[in-house]
């Protein structure tokens, strides 16, 4: 199932609860940002499945890192905002100088798990 929760933790909790209710065999929930991850964790707990569902998120907010260390989220994907910002500035410079700008940049990501979550605080 795929649902949109508009980056709203409360809506994410409602959506996740609905998914877990309709699909009893769900084993994994992918959350597209760490603002919604807390709502999904709360839904899993309310369904009696806290720590039993593999929850993966994007972002390294403090609640997400806490949930990883508590065993409620298995992993999150950390982006590299410094690299993203640098590529944005480089692209702007190239545009202002009528240079060709790449169609895409790989700014990299890092997987955050219980083994390395404390490094992201």
N, C-alpha and C. Protein backbone atom coordinates (compact mmCIF):
# COMPACT_ATOMS: atom_id res chain seq x y z
N UNK A 1 0.84 -1.18 0.00
CA UNK A 1 0.00 0.00 0.00
C UNK A 1 0.88 1.24 0.00
N UNK A 2 0.38 2.28 -0.56
CA UNK A 2 1.09 3.55 -0.60
C UNK A 2 0.10 4.65 -0.27
N UNK A 3 0.46 5.47 0.70
CA UNK A 3 -0.40 6.57 1.13
C UNK A 3 0.44 7.82 1.33
N UNK A 4 -0.17 8.97 1.17
CA UNK A 4 0.52 10.24 1.38
C UNK A 4 0.09 10.82 2.72
N UNK A 5 1.06 11.24 3.53
CA UNK A 5 0.76 11.85 4.82
C UNK A 5 1.24 13.29 4.88
N UNK A 6 1.64 13.85 3.76
CA UNK A 6 1.96 15.27 3.65
C UNK A 6 2.93 15.79 4.70
N UNK A 7 3.91 15.00 5.06
CA UNK A 7 4.92 15.40 6.06
C UNK A 7 4.31 15.75 7.41
N UNK A 8 3.17 15.20 7.72
CA UNK A 8 2.46 15.49 8.96
C UNK A 8 2.51 14.26 9.86
N UNK A 9 3.17 14.34 11.01
CA UNK A 9 3.30 13.18 11.89
C UNK A 9 1.96 12.60 12.34
N UNK A 10 0.99 13.46 12.61
CA UNK A 10 -0.33 12.99 13.05
C UNK A 10 -1.04 12.26 11.93
N UNK A 11 -0.98 12.82 10.72
CA UNK A 11 -1.58 12.14 9.57
C UNK A 11 -0.84 10.85 9.26
N UNK A 12 0.48 10.85 9.42
CA UNK A 12 1.27 9.63 9.19
C UNK A 12 0.84 8.53 10.15
N UNK A 13 0.55 8.89 11.39
CA UNK A 13 0.07 7.90 12.36
C UNK A 13 -1.26 7.32 11.92
N UNK A 14 -2.16 8.17 11.47
CA UNK A 14 -3.48 7.72 11.00
C UNK A 14 -3.34 6.82 9.77
N UNK A 15 -2.53 7.25 8.82
CA UNK A 15 -2.33 6.48 7.59
C UNK A 15 -1.69 5.12 7.91
N UNK A 16 -0.66 5.12 8.74
CA UNK A 16 0.00 3.86 9.10
C UNK A 16 -0.95 2.94 9.85
N UNK A 17 -1.74 3.49 10.75
CA UNK A 17 -2.72 2.67 11.48
C UNK A 17 -3.71 2.03 10.51
N UNK A 18 -4.14 2.79 9.52
CA UNK A 18 -5.07 2.27 8.51
C UNK A 18 -4.42 1.15 7.70
N UNK A 19 -3.17 1.36 7.29
CA UNK A 19 -2.45 0.33 6.52
C UNK A 19 -2.30 -0.94 7.36
N UNK A 20 -1.88 -0.78 8.61
CA UNK A 20 -1.69 -1.95 9.47
C UNK A 20 -2.99 -2.68 9.75
N UNK A 21 -4.08 -1.95 9.81
CA UNK A 21 -5.38 -2.56 10.03
C UNK A 21 -5.86 -3.34 8.81
N UNK A 22 -5.67 -2.76 7.64
CA UNK A 22 -6.14 -3.38 6.39
C UNK A 22 -5.23 -4.50 5.91
N UNK A 23 -3.96 -4.41 6.24
CA UNK A 23 -2.96 -5.36 5.72
C UNK A 23 -2.21 -5.99 6.89
N UNK A 24 -2.79 -7.01 7.47
CA UNK A 24 -2.23 -7.64 8.67
C UNK A 24 -0.84 -8.27 8.43
N UNK A 25 -0.52 -8.53 7.18
CA UNK A 25 0.75 -9.19 6.87
C UNK A 25 1.90 -8.21 6.60
N UNK A 26 1.67 -6.92 6.77
CA UNK A 26 2.72 -5.93 6.54
C UNK A 26 3.88 -6.19 7.50
N UNK A 27 5.08 -6.24 6.95
CA UNK A 27 6.27 -6.45 7.75
C UNK A 27 7.23 -5.27 7.70
N UNK A 28 7.06 -4.40 6.68
CA UNK A 28 7.97 -3.28 6.47
C UNK A 28 7.17 -2.03 6.16
N UNK A 29 7.56 -0.92 6.78
CA UNK A 29 6.98 0.39 6.44
C UNK A 29 8.13 1.32 6.08
N UNK A 30 8.04 1.93 4.91
CA UNK A 30 9.03 2.90 4.46
C UNK A 30 8.41 4.28 4.60
N UNK A 31 9.09 5.15 5.32
CA UNK A 31 8.61 6.50 5.59
C UNK A 31 9.54 7.47 4.87
N UNK A 32 8.98 8.41 4.14
CA UNK A 32 9.82 9.25 3.28
C UNK A 32 10.45 10.44 3.98
N UNK A 33 10.15 10.69 5.24
CA UNK A 33 10.89 11.70 5.98
C UNK A 33 10.76 11.47 7.48
N UNK A 34 11.71 12.00 8.21
CA UNK A 34 11.73 11.70 9.64
C UNK A 34 10.66 12.45 10.43
N UNK A 35 10.03 13.44 9.83
CA UNK A 35 8.92 14.10 10.52
C UNK A 35 7.75 13.12 10.69
N UNK A 36 7.55 12.28 9.70
CA UNK A 36 6.44 11.33 9.75
C UNK A 36 6.80 10.04 10.48
N UNK A 37 8.08 9.77 10.62
CA UNK A 37 8.51 8.51 11.22
C UNK A 37 7.95 8.31 12.63
N UNK A 38 7.91 9.37 13.42
CA UNK A 38 7.39 9.24 14.78
C UNK A 38 5.93 8.80 14.77
N UNK A 39 5.14 9.34 13.88
CA UNK A 39 3.74 8.93 13.77
C UNK A 39 3.60 7.47 13.40
N UNK A 40 4.45 7.01 12.52
CA UNK A 40 4.42 5.60 12.09
C UNK A 40 4.82 4.69 13.26
N UNK A 41 5.83 5.10 14.02
CA UNK A 41 6.23 4.34 15.20
C UNK A 41 5.07 4.24 16.18
N UNK A 42 4.38 5.35 16.40
CA UNK A 42 3.25 5.35 17.33
C UNK A 42 2.13 4.43 16.84
N UNK A 43 1.88 4.42 15.54
CA UNK A 43 0.86 3.53 14.98
C UNK A 43 1.23 2.07 15.17
N UNK A 44 2.50 1.75 14.95
CA UNK A 44 2.96 0.37 15.13
C UNK A 44 2.80 -0.06 16.59
N UNK A 45 3.15 0.83 17.51
CA UNK A 45 2.99 0.52 18.93
C UNK A 45 1.52 0.32 19.28
N UNK A 46 0.66 1.20 18.79
CA UNK A 46 -0.78 1.10 19.09
C UNK A 46 -1.38 -0.18 18.54
N UNK A 47 -0.81 -0.68 17.45
CA UNK A 47 -1.29 -1.93 16.86
C UNK A 47 -0.68 -3.15 17.53
N UNK A 48 0.13 -2.92 18.57
CA UNK A 48 0.78 -4.02 19.26
C UNK A 48 1.93 -4.62 18.47
N UNK A 49 2.45 -3.86 17.53
CA UNK A 49 3.52 -4.36 16.67
C UNK A 49 4.78 -3.52 16.76
N UNK A 50 4.87 -2.69 17.80
CA UNK A 50 6.06 -1.88 17.99
C UNK A 50 7.30 -2.74 18.12
N UNK A 51 8.33 -2.39 17.37
CA UNK A 51 9.57 -3.16 17.39
C UNK A 51 9.50 -4.45 16.58
N UNK A 52 8.32 -4.77 16.04
CA UNK A 52 8.15 -6.01 15.27
C UNK A 52 8.07 -5.73 13.77
N UNK A 53 7.79 -4.50 13.41
CA UNK A 53 7.73 -4.10 12.01
C UNK A 53 9.04 -3.41 11.66
N UNK A 54 9.56 -3.71 10.50
CA UNK A 54 10.76 -3.03 10.04
C UNK A 54 10.33 -1.66 9.52
N UNK A 55 10.76 -0.61 10.21
CA UNK A 55 10.46 0.76 9.80
C UNK A 55 11.76 1.39 9.34
N UNK A 56 11.74 1.94 8.14
CA UNK A 56 12.89 2.62 7.56
C UNK A 56 12.44 4.01 7.17
N UNK A 57 13.26 5.00 7.47
CA UNK A 57 12.92 6.40 7.22
C UNK A 57 14.02 7.09 6.43
N UNK A 58 13.79 8.36 6.15
CA UNK A 58 14.79 9.24 5.55
C UNK A 58 14.94 10.43 6.49
N UNK A 59 16.16 10.79 6.82
CA UNK A 59 16.43 11.94 7.67
C UNK A 59 16.97 11.54 9.02
N UNK A 60 17.58 12.50 9.67
CA UNK A 60 18.25 12.21 10.94
C UNK A 60 17.81 13.15 12.06
N UNK A 61 16.51 13.38 12.14
CA UNK A 61 15.97 14.17 13.24
C UNK A 61 16.18 13.44 14.56
N UNK A 62 16.15 14.20 15.64
CA UNK A 62 16.44 13.61 16.95
C UNK A 62 15.46 12.51 17.34
N UNK A 63 14.17 12.67 17.02
CA UNK A 63 13.20 11.61 17.36
C UNK A 63 13.48 10.34 16.57
N UNK A 64 13.88 10.50 15.32
CA UNK A 64 14.21 9.32 14.51
C UNK A 64 15.43 8.61 15.08
N UNK A 65 16.45 9.36 15.43
CA UNK A 65 17.64 8.74 16.02
C UNK A 65 17.31 8.07 17.35
N UNK A 66 16.48 8.71 18.17
CA UNK A 66 16.04 8.08 19.42
C UNK A 66 15.30 6.78 19.15
N UNK A 67 14.43 6.79 18.14
CA UNK A 67 13.67 5.58 17.81
C UNK A 67 14.55 4.46 17.29
N UNK A 68 15.63 4.81 16.62
CA UNK A 68 16.59 3.79 16.18
C UNK A 68 17.27 3.19 17.40
N UNK A 69 17.74 4.05 18.28
CA UNK A 69 18.44 3.57 19.48
C UNK A 69 17.51 2.79 20.40
N UNK A 70 16.20 3.09 20.36
CA UNK A 70 15.21 2.37 21.17
C UNK A 70 14.72 1.09 20.49
N UNK A 71 15.13 0.87 19.24
CA UNK A 71 14.73 -0.34 18.53
C UNK A 71 13.39 -0.25 17.82
N UNK A 72 12.83 0.95 17.69
CA UNK A 72 11.54 1.10 17.03
C UNK A 72 11.66 1.39 15.54
N UNK A 73 12.78 1.94 15.13
CA UNK A 73 13.08 2.14 13.71
C UNK A 73 14.36 1.38 13.43
N UNK A 74 14.37 0.62 12.35
CA UNK A 74 15.54 -0.20 12.01
C UNK A 74 16.65 0.64 11.40
N UNK A 75 16.27 1.57 10.53
CA UNK A 75 17.29 2.38 9.86
C UNK A 75 16.67 3.64 9.29
N UNK A 76 17.53 4.58 9.00
CA UNK A 76 17.14 5.78 8.28
C UNK A 76 18.25 6.10 7.29
N UNK A 77 17.90 6.86 6.28
CA UNK A 77 18.88 7.25 5.27
C UNK A 77 19.24 8.70 5.51
N UNK A 78 20.51 8.94 5.79
CA UNK A 78 21.01 10.29 6.02
C UNK A 78 21.46 10.89 4.69
N UNK A 79 20.95 12.06 4.43
CA UNK A 79 21.40 12.79 3.25
C UNK A 79 22.60 13.64 3.63
N UNK A 80 23.21 14.26 2.68
CA UNK A 80 24.39 15.08 2.91
C UNK A 80 24.07 16.53 2.55
N UNK A 81 23.43 17.28 3.45
CA UNK A 81 23.02 18.64 3.10
C UNK A 81 24.17 19.56 2.72
N UNK A 82 25.35 19.32 3.26
CA UNK A 82 26.50 20.15 2.89
C UNK A 82 26.86 19.94 1.42
N UNK A 83 26.81 18.70 0.96
CA UNK A 83 27.10 18.40 -0.44
C UNK A 83 25.97 18.93 -1.33
N UNK A 84 24.73 18.76 -0.89
CA UNK A 84 23.59 19.25 -1.66
C UNK A 84 23.71 20.77 -1.84
N UNK A 85 24.02 21.48 -0.76
CA UNK A 85 24.18 22.93 -0.83
C UNK A 85 25.33 23.34 -1.74
N UNK A 86 26.44 22.64 -1.63
CA UNK A 86 27.60 22.97 -2.46
C UNK A 86 27.29 22.78 -3.94
N UNK A 87 26.60 21.69 -4.29
CA UNK A 87 26.25 21.45 -5.69
C UNK A 87 25.26 22.51 -6.19
N UNK A 88 24.39 22.98 -5.31
CA UNK A 88 23.46 24.05 -5.69
C UNK A 88 24.20 25.34 -6.01
N UNK A 89 25.17 25.69 -5.18
CA UNK A 89 25.97 26.90 -5.42
C UNK A 89 26.79 26.75 -6.70
N UNK A 90 27.39 25.58 -6.89
CA UNK A 90 28.16 25.34 -8.12
C UNK A 90 27.27 25.47 -9.35
N UNK A 91 26.07 24.92 -9.27
CA UNK A 91 25.15 25.00 -10.41
C UNK A 91 24.75 26.44 -10.71
N UNK A 92 24.49 27.20 -9.66
CA UNK A 92 24.14 28.61 -9.84
C UNK A 92 25.29 29.36 -10.50
N UNK A 93 26.50 29.11 -10.03
CA UNK A 93 27.68 29.74 -10.62
C UNK A 93 27.79 29.39 -12.10
N UNK A 94 27.59 28.12 -12.43
CA UNK A 94 27.69 27.68 -13.82
C UNK A 94 26.61 28.35 -14.67
N UNK A 95 25.39 28.44 -14.12
CA UNK A 95 24.30 29.08 -14.86
C UNK A 95 24.61 30.55 -15.12
N UNK A 96 25.11 31.24 -14.10
CA UNK A 96 25.42 32.66 -14.24
C UNK A 96 26.54 32.92 -15.24
N UNK A 97 27.38 31.92 -15.47
CA UNK A 97 28.48 32.03 -16.42
C UNK A 97 28.20 31.31 -17.73
N UNK A 98 26.90 31.05 -17.96
CA UNK A 98 26.45 30.39 -19.20
C UNK A 98 27.17 29.08 -19.48
N UNK A 99 27.51 28.38 -18.41
CA UNK A 99 28.13 27.06 -18.54
C UNK A 99 27.06 25.98 -18.48
N UNK A 100 27.38 24.83 -18.98
CA UNK A 100 26.47 23.69 -18.93
C UNK A 100 26.36 23.16 -17.50
N UNK A 101 25.14 22.93 -17.05
CA UNK A 101 24.89 22.40 -15.71
C UNK A 101 24.50 20.93 -15.85
N UNK A 102 25.09 20.04 -15.06
CA UNK A 102 24.72 18.62 -15.13
C UNK A 102 23.22 18.43 -14.86
N UNK A 103 22.65 17.43 -15.49
CA UNK A 103 21.23 17.11 -15.28
C UNK A 103 20.98 16.59 -13.87
N UNK A 104 21.98 15.94 -13.30
CA UNK A 104 21.80 15.36 -11.97
C UNK A 104 23.15 15.27 -11.27
N UNK A 105 23.08 15.26 -9.94
CA UNK A 105 24.27 15.08 -9.11
C UNK A 105 23.98 13.92 -8.15
N UNK A 106 24.99 13.12 -7.90
CA UNK A 106 24.90 12.13 -6.82
C UNK A 106 25.52 12.77 -5.59
N UNK A 107 24.67 13.16 -4.65
CA UNK A 107 25.17 13.83 -3.46
C UNK A 107 25.41 12.84 -2.32
N UNK A 108 25.16 11.59 -2.58
CA UNK A 108 25.45 10.54 -1.61
C UNK A 108 24.47 10.47 -0.45
N UNK A 109 24.44 9.34 0.17
CA UNK A 109 23.63 9.11 1.37
C UNK A 109 24.41 8.16 2.27
N UNK A 110 23.97 8.07 3.51
CA UNK A 110 24.57 7.12 4.45
C UNK A 110 23.44 6.40 5.18
N UNK A 111 23.61 5.13 5.41
CA UNK A 111 22.62 4.36 6.15
C UNK A 111 22.92 4.48 7.64
N UNK A 112 21.90 4.85 8.40
CA UNK A 112 22.04 5.01 9.84
C UNK A 112 21.28 3.87 10.51
N UNK A 113 21.98 3.13 11.36
CA UNK A 113 21.38 2.00 12.09
C UNK A 113 21.73 2.15 13.56
N UNK A 114 21.32 1.19 14.35
CA UNK A 114 21.63 1.24 15.78
C UNK A 114 23.14 1.26 16.02
N UNK A 115 23.90 0.70 15.09
CA UNK A 115 25.35 0.64 15.25
C UNK A 115 26.02 2.01 15.12
N UNK A 116 25.44 2.93 14.34
CA UNK A 116 26.12 4.21 14.13
C UNK A 116 25.23 5.44 14.42
N UNK A 117 24.04 5.24 14.93
CA UNK A 117 23.10 6.35 15.14
C UNK A 117 23.66 7.44 16.04
N UNK A 118 24.41 7.07 17.04
CA UNK A 118 24.94 8.08 17.97
C UNK A 118 25.92 9.02 17.28
N UNK A 119 26.50 8.63 16.17
CA UNK A 119 27.43 9.49 15.43
C UNK A 119 26.72 10.65 14.74
N UNK A 120 25.41 10.56 14.60
CA UNK A 120 24.63 11.56 13.87
C UNK A 120 23.98 12.60 14.80
N UNK A 121 24.29 12.54 16.06
CA UNK A 121 23.72 13.51 17.02
C UNK A 121 24.51 14.78 17.02
